[in-house]
N, C-alpha and C. Protein backbone atom coordinates (compact mmCIF):
# COMPACT_ATOMS: atom_id res chain seq x y z
N MET A 1 142.46 84.69 23.54
CA MET A 1 142.19 84.16 24.84
C MET A 1 140.94 84.60 25.35
N PHE A 2 140.62 85.99 25.16
CA PHE A 2 139.40 86.47 25.65
C PHE A 2 138.62 86.72 24.20
N THR A 3 137.38 86.49 24.49
CA THR A 3 136.27 86.48 23.25
C THR A 3 135.96 87.92 23.27
N ARG A 4 135.44 88.38 22.04
CA ARG A 4 134.90 89.77 22.05
C ARG A 4 133.92 89.81 22.86
N GLU A 5 132.99 89.12 23.15
CA GLU A 5 131.87 89.24 24.10
C GLU A 5 132.30 89.48 25.38
N TYR A 6 133.30 88.65 25.66
CA TYR A 6 133.82 88.52 27.18
C TYR A 6 134.59 89.90 27.40
N ARG A 7 135.18 90.57 26.65
CA ARG A 7 135.81 91.80 26.59
C ARG A 7 134.74 92.92 26.86
N ARG A 8 133.58 92.80 25.96
CA ARG A 8 132.43 93.62 26.11
C ARG A 8 132.10 93.86 27.43
N LYS A 9 131.59 92.50 27.75
CA LYS A 9 131.13 92.34 29.24
C LYS A 9 131.99 93.20 30.29
N LEU A 10 133.30 92.98 30.22
CA LEU A 10 134.41 93.41 31.23
C LEU A 10 134.32 94.86 31.06
N SER A 11 134.11 95.65 29.84
CA SER A 11 134.04 96.94 29.45
C SER A 11 132.97 97.62 30.29
N GLU A 12 131.73 96.97 29.93
CA GLU A 12 130.60 97.24 30.65
C GLU A 12 130.57 97.42 32.16
N HIS A 13 131.03 96.54 32.88
CA HIS A 13 131.38 96.40 34.28
C HIS A 13 132.43 97.43 34.62
N ALA A 14 133.39 97.74 34.05
CA ALA A 14 134.07 98.81 34.08
C ALA A 14 133.70 100.13 34.30
N ILE A 15 132.59 100.29 33.26
CA ILE A 15 132.09 101.75 33.08
C ILE A 15 131.29 101.88 34.25
N LYS A 16 130.39 100.87 34.68
CA LYS A 16 129.65 100.90 35.82
C LYS A 16 130.22 101.21 37.02
N MET A 17 131.64 100.42 37.13
CA MET A 17 132.38 100.79 38.33
C MET A 17 132.89 102.24 38.54
N LEU A 18 133.32 102.81 37.16
CA LEU A 18 133.52 104.05 37.24
C LEU A 18 132.55 105.01 37.38
N GLU A 19 131.47 104.87 36.90
CA GLU A 19 130.22 105.64 37.05
C GLU A 19 129.87 105.69 38.79
N ALA A 20 130.19 104.61 39.32
CA ALA A 20 129.75 104.22 40.84
C ALA A 20 130.76 104.91 41.75
N GLY A 21 131.89 105.46 41.13
CA GLY A 21 133.01 105.93 41.85
C GLY A 21 133.69 104.72 42.66
N LYS A 22 133.75 103.54 42.04
CA LYS A 22 134.58 102.36 42.93
C LYS A 22 135.75 102.11 42.28
N ILE A 23 136.07 102.72 41.11
CA ILE A 23 137.36 102.57 40.49
C ILE A 23 137.71 104.00 39.92
N GLY A 24 138.97 104.24 39.52
CA GLY A 24 139.27 105.52 38.90
C GLY A 24 140.01 106.41 39.85
N PRO A 25 140.54 107.46 39.56
CA PRO A 25 141.21 108.41 40.41
C PRO A 25 140.37 109.02 41.53
N GLN A 26 139.18 109.16 41.56
CA GLN A 26 138.28 109.50 42.57
C GLN A 26 137.84 108.47 43.61
N ALA A 27 138.26 107.10 43.27
CA ALA A 27 137.93 106.14 44.12
C ALA A 27 138.63 106.08 45.41
N PRO A 28 137.90 105.49 46.45
CA PRO A 28 138.56 105.78 47.73
C PRO A 28 139.52 104.55 48.10
N PHE A 29 140.03 104.00 47.23
CA PHE A 29 140.71 102.75 47.39
C PHE A 29 142.15 102.92 47.58
N LYS A 30 142.25 103.46 48.86
CA LYS A 30 143.88 104.22 49.11
C LYS A 30 144.28 103.65 50.57
N ALA A 31 145.53 103.63 50.82
CA ALA A 31 146.07 103.23 52.23
C ALA A 31 145.67 104.58 52.98
N GLU A 32 145.60 104.25 54.46
CA GLU A 32 145.52 105.32 55.24
C GLU A 32 145.46 104.99 56.77
N TYR A 33 145.76 105.74 57.66
CA TYR A 33 145.87 105.53 59.11
C TYR A 33 144.34 105.59 59.42
N LYS A 34 143.70 104.94 60.31
CA LYS A 34 142.51 104.96 60.60
C LYS A 34 142.35 104.54 62.20
N PHE A 35 141.54 105.32 63.05
CA PHE A 35 141.41 105.02 64.57
C PHE A 35 140.80 103.92 64.77
N ASN A 36 141.09 103.06 65.21
CA ASN A 36 140.51 101.65 65.84
C ASN A 36 140.28 101.74 67.31
N PRO A 37 138.98 101.92 67.61
CA PRO A 37 138.33 102.30 68.93
C PRO A 37 138.75 100.87 69.73
N PHE A 38 138.82 99.68 69.12
CA PHE A 38 139.24 98.51 70.01
C PHE A 38 140.56 98.31 70.52
N SER A 39 141.48 98.92 69.62
CA SER A 39 142.98 98.97 70.10
C SER A 39 143.17 100.28 70.78
N ASP A 40 142.17 101.27 70.43
CA ASP A 40 142.53 102.63 70.90
C ASP A 40 143.88 103.41 70.34
N LYS A 41 143.94 103.03 68.95
CA LYS A 41 145.34 103.31 68.25
C LYS A 41 144.89 103.67 66.77
N GLU A 42 145.94 104.55 66.13
CA GLU A 42 145.73 104.63 64.65
C GLU A 42 146.39 103.49 64.26
N GLU A 43 145.75 102.76 63.20
CA GLU A 43 146.40 101.63 62.56
C GLU A 43 146.23 101.80 61.24
N TRP A 44 147.51 101.31 60.61
CA TRP A 44 147.73 101.36 58.97
C TRP A 44 146.77 100.44 58.57
N MET A 45 146.00 101.02 57.53
CA MET A 45 145.24 100.12 56.59
C MET A 45 145.98 100.29 55.12
N HIS A 46 146.26 99.10 54.76
CA HIS A 46 146.96 98.85 53.47
C HIS A 46 146.15 99.33 52.20
N SER A 47 144.66 99.06 52.35
CA SER A 47 143.96 99.46 51.39
C SER A 47 142.54 99.90 51.82
N SER A 48 141.73 100.53 51.02
CA SER A 48 140.27 100.70 51.32
C SER A 48 139.46 99.69 51.62
N TRP A 49 139.89 98.27 51.22
CA TRP A 49 139.22 97.15 51.48
C TRP A 49 139.29 96.90 53.22
N GLU A 50 140.67 97.09 53.63
CA GLU A 50 140.75 97.10 54.93
C GLU A 50 140.17 98.16 55.54
N SER A 51 140.03 99.26 55.17
CA SER A 51 139.22 100.32 55.96
C SER A 51 137.78 100.12 56.01
N ALA A 52 137.23 99.51 54.90
CA ALA A 52 135.94 99.20 54.90
C ALA A 52 135.66 97.99 55.94
N PHE A 53 136.54 97.12 55.98
CA PHE A 53 136.27 95.98 56.81
C PHE A 53 136.38 96.31 58.38
N LEU A 54 137.45 97.34 58.73
CA LEU A 54 137.38 97.85 60.03
C LEU A 54 136.00 98.54 60.32
N ASP A 55 135.57 99.41 59.37
CA ASP A 55 134.30 100.29 59.59
C ASP A 55 133.04 99.29 60.08
N ALA A 56 133.05 98.03 59.07
CA ALA A 56 131.99 97.20 59.46
C ALA A 56 132.20 96.41 60.78
N CYS A 57 133.36 96.09 61.03
CA CYS A 57 133.51 95.48 62.27
C CYS A 57 133.26 96.70 63.66
N ILE A 58 133.73 97.74 63.33
CA ILE A 58 133.11 98.97 64.30
C ILE A 58 131.68 99.01 64.43
N GLU A 59 130.92 98.89 63.20
CA GLU A 59 129.43 99.13 63.25
C GLU A 59 128.86 97.76 63.84
N GLU A 60 129.47 96.70 63.87
CA GLU A 60 128.73 95.39 64.28
C GLU A 60 129.20 95.06 65.65
N ASN A 61 130.21 96.05 66.32
CA ASN A 61 130.88 95.68 67.47
C ASN A 61 131.72 94.37 67.59
N ILE A 62 132.45 94.14 66.45
CA ILE A 62 133.16 92.98 66.38
C ILE A 62 134.80 93.35 66.53
N PRO A 63 135.29 93.23 67.71
CA PRO A 63 136.55 93.63 68.13
C PRO A 63 137.81 93.00 67.42
N VAL A 64 138.49 93.83 66.45
CA VAL A 64 139.64 93.27 65.53
C VAL A 64 140.70 94.45 65.80
N THR A 65 141.85 93.86 65.55
CA THR A 65 143.02 94.85 65.40
C THR A 65 144.13 94.45 64.11
N LYS A 66 144.54 95.58 63.90
CA LYS A 66 145.80 95.02 63.01
C LYS A 66 147.13 95.19 63.94
N ALA A 67 146.96 95.60 65.03
CA ALA A 67 148.08 95.54 65.95
C ALA A 67 148.33 94.29 66.52
N HIS A 68 149.00 93.32 65.89
CA HIS A 68 149.15 92.08 66.51
C HIS A 68 150.41 91.72 65.99
N SER A 69 151.15 90.63 66.81
CA SER A 69 152.65 90.14 66.43
C SER A 69 152.46 88.91 66.02
N ILE A 70 151.43 88.26 65.16
CA ILE A 70 151.33 86.99 64.58
C ILE A 70 152.14 86.97 63.19
N ARG A 71 153.30 86.21 62.99
CA ARG A 71 153.92 86.07 61.82
C ARG A 71 153.85 84.42 61.45
N ILE A 72 153.28 84.06 60.24
CA ILE A 72 153.27 82.80 59.95
C ILE A 72 154.10 82.15 58.87
N ASP A 73 155.00 81.27 59.01
CA ASP A 73 155.99 81.01 58.22
C ASP A 73 155.35 80.24 56.98
N TYR A 74 155.75 80.56 55.62
CA TYR A 74 155.27 79.86 54.50
C TYR A 74 156.40 79.88 53.55
N THR A 75 156.22 79.08 52.45
CA THR A 75 157.41 78.95 51.23
C THR A 75 156.56 79.61 50.11
N ASP A 76 157.01 80.52 49.49
CA ASP A 76 156.28 81.00 48.29
C ASP A 76 156.42 80.08 47.12
N THR A 77 155.93 80.42 45.85
CA THR A 77 156.04 79.60 44.72
C THR A 77 157.36 79.44 44.14
N HIS A 78 158.24 80.05 44.45
CA HIS A 78 159.72 80.14 44.03
C HIS A 78 160.56 79.33 45.03
N GLY A 79 159.88 78.96 46.12
CA GLY A 79 160.66 78.09 47.11
C GLY A 79 161.36 78.89 48.17
N ILE A 80 160.98 80.33 48.17
CA ILE A 80 161.63 81.19 49.09
C ILE A 80 160.69 81.21 50.45
N ASP A 81 161.41 80.97 51.47
CA ASP A 81 160.94 81.18 52.95
C ASP A 81 160.49 82.48 52.96
N ARG A 82 159.15 82.62 53.40
CA ARG A 82 158.62 84.05 53.85
C ARG A 82 157.83 84.11 55.26
N GLN A 83 157.32 85.02 55.40
CA GLN A 83 156.41 85.36 56.67
C GLN A 83 155.30 86.07 56.30
N TYR A 84 154.06 85.40 56.53
CA TYR A 84 152.67 86.16 56.23
C TYR A 84 152.09 86.73 57.65
N VAL A 85 151.66 88.07 57.66
CA VAL A 85 150.96 88.75 58.52
C VAL A 85 149.81 89.00 58.06
N PRO A 86 148.87 88.36 58.86
CA PRO A 86 147.29 88.24 58.60
C PRO A 86 146.82 89.70 58.82
N ASP A 87 145.83 90.26 58.20
CA ASP A 87 145.46 91.58 58.29
C ASP A 87 144.85 91.96 59.67
N PHE A 88 143.97 91.18 60.11
CA PHE A 88 143.44 91.61 61.38
C PHE A 88 143.36 90.15 62.22
N LYS A 89 143.36 90.51 63.67
CA LYS A 89 143.04 89.57 64.51
C LYS A 89 142.04 89.69 65.45
N GLY A 90 140.93 88.90 65.63
CA GLY A 90 140.01 89.08 66.38
C GLY A 90 139.96 88.05 67.63
N GLU A 91 139.09 88.03 68.02
CA GLU A 91 138.92 86.85 69.16
C GLU A 91 138.69 85.54 68.52
N GLY A 92 139.78 84.86 68.57
CA GLY A 92 139.81 83.60 68.21
C GLY A 92 139.72 83.44 66.72
N VAL A 93 139.97 84.46 66.05
CA VAL A 93 139.82 84.38 64.50
C VAL A 93 140.96 85.54 63.97
N LEU A 94 141.62 84.97 62.79
CA LEU A 94 142.53 85.57 61.78
C LEU A 94 141.71 86.11 60.68
N PHE A 95 141.70 87.25 60.29
CA PHE A 95 141.10 87.77 59.06
C PHE A 95 142.05 88.28 58.08
N GLU A 96 141.60 87.87 56.72
CA GLU A 96 142.52 88.37 55.45
C GLU A 96 141.57 89.03 54.75
N VAL A 97 141.79 90.20 54.47
CA VAL A 97 140.86 91.12 53.30
C VAL A 97 141.47 91.37 52.12
N LYS A 98 141.05 90.74 50.83
CA LYS A 98 141.60 90.84 49.66
C LYS A 98 140.96 91.54 48.59
N GLY A 99 141.45 92.64 48.11
CA GLY A 99 140.91 93.23 46.83
C GLY A 99 141.26 92.18 45.60
N ARG A 100 142.41 91.61 45.63
CA ARG A 100 142.41 90.64 44.48
C ARG A 100 143.69 89.64 44.81
N GLU A 101 143.65 88.47 44.47
CA GLU A 101 144.32 87.45 44.94
C GLU A 101 145.57 87.40 44.05
N LYS A 102 146.73 87.01 44.62
CA LYS A 102 147.91 86.75 43.79
C LYS A 102 148.18 85.19 43.74
N GLN A 103 149.12 84.87 43.25
CA GLN A 103 149.55 83.35 43.12
C GLN A 103 150.06 82.84 44.35
N ASP A 104 150.65 83.48 45.23
CA ASP A 104 151.20 82.97 46.34
C ASP A 104 150.09 82.99 47.61
N ASP A 105 149.07 83.74 47.36
CA ASP A 105 147.95 83.93 48.47
C ASP A 105 147.47 82.43 49.07
N LEU A 106 147.31 81.53 48.17
CA LEU A 106 146.84 80.15 48.54
C LEU A 106 147.51 79.64 49.44
N LEU A 107 149.14 79.75 49.04
CA LEU A 107 149.99 79.28 49.88
C LEU A 107 150.05 79.84 51.43
N LYS A 108 149.91 81.24 51.35
CA LYS A 108 149.53 81.87 52.68
C LYS A 108 148.40 81.35 53.27
N TYR A 109 147.25 81.27 52.74
CA TYR A 109 146.21 80.79 53.27
C TYR A 109 146.25 79.26 53.87
N ARG A 110 147.09 78.33 53.27
CA ARG A 110 147.20 77.20 53.89
C ARG A 110 148.07 77.20 55.09
N ALA A 111 149.03 77.95 55.12
CA ALA A 111 150.01 78.00 56.25
C ALA A 111 149.17 78.67 57.22
N ALA A 112 148.31 79.80 57.11
CA ALA A 112 147.59 80.27 58.25
C ALA A 112 146.45 79.32 58.63
N GLU A 113 145.70 78.53 57.93
CA GLU A 113 144.93 77.59 58.50
C GLU A 113 145.66 76.59 59.47
N GLY A 114 146.74 76.20 59.01
CA GLY A 114 147.55 75.18 59.64
C GLY A 114 147.82 75.88 61.11
N TRP A 115 148.42 77.30 60.93
CA TRP A 115 148.61 77.85 62.28
C TRP A 115 147.48 77.84 63.19
N CYS A 116 146.26 78.16 62.51
CA CYS A 116 144.99 78.47 63.39
C CYS A 116 144.59 77.10 63.95
N ASN A 117 144.87 76.16 63.18
CA ASN A 117 144.49 74.69 63.75
C ASN A 117 145.20 74.51 65.05
N GLU A 118 146.60 74.70 64.94
CA GLU A 118 147.43 74.63 66.27
C GLU A 118 147.04 75.48 67.40
N HIS A 119 146.60 76.66 67.02
CA HIS A 119 146.17 77.58 68.18
C HIS A 119 144.82 77.82 68.56
N ASP A 120 144.13 76.72 68.13
CA ASP A 120 142.77 76.81 68.32
C ASP A 120 141.95 78.06 67.83
N MET A 121 142.26 78.35 66.59
CA MET A 121 141.49 79.65 65.97
C MET A 121 141.11 79.40 64.73
N GLU A 122 140.40 80.29 64.04
CA GLU A 122 139.74 80.15 62.71
C GLU A 122 140.61 81.11 62.00
N PHE A 123 140.44 81.01 60.65
CA PHE A 123 140.98 81.86 59.53
C PHE A 123 140.10 82.06 58.46
N VAL A 124 139.57 83.32 58.29
CA VAL A 124 138.57 83.81 57.49
C VAL A 124 139.14 84.63 56.40
N VAL A 125 138.93 84.41 55.16
CA VAL A 125 139.27 85.33 54.01
C VAL A 125 138.02 86.17 53.48
N PHE A 126 138.07 87.57 53.54
CA PHE A 126 137.00 88.36 52.91
C PHE A 126 137.54 88.82 51.69
N GLY A 127 136.81 88.55 50.47
CA GLY A 127 137.12 88.99 49.12
C GLY A 127 136.48 90.33 48.83
N ARG A 128 136.94 91.09 47.77
CA ARG A 128 136.51 92.02 47.33
C ARG A 128 134.77 91.99 46.99
N ASP A 129 134.45 90.91 46.63
CA ASP A 129 132.99 90.82 46.22
C ASP A 129 132.26 91.22 47.39
N VAL A 130 132.56 91.09 48.61
CA VAL A 130 131.91 91.51 49.80
C VAL A 130 131.61 92.91 49.81
N PHE A 131 132.46 93.75 49.49
CA PHE A 131 132.51 95.18 49.57
C PHE A 131 132.08 95.82 48.12
N LEU A 132 131.79 94.92 47.26
CA LEU A 132 131.31 95.57 45.83
C LEU A 132 129.66 95.61 45.71
N GLU A 133 129.19 94.92 46.78
CA GLU A 133 127.68 94.63 46.60
C GLU A 133 127.05 95.98 46.82
């Protein structure tokens, strides 16, 4: 499936990421409580991607919070009804922050876009490429 050249490029990329401290046991990609000045609360960040997003929003003075009650119904790839909780809510926008996408994520995104259309909001996904630059 993967050619030798492709595997070599992936290995080189992984070595660079290790050397930069972006992956590996010393990497900061961990869950944590983080103080959010917009909500004046400690909020649970599920990953360092979410922490980095909150840091960027704080720096740019873009009010966001994880402390919201939005639950969006969707059906997963196995036909099971579930609820999706967007990572952050801002003023007129829901944000999803992804380190890597899974198969059901597109279904969640479609449901969130529909929900946002009904509530006159936007839906924005920030991928890991934004944080690895």
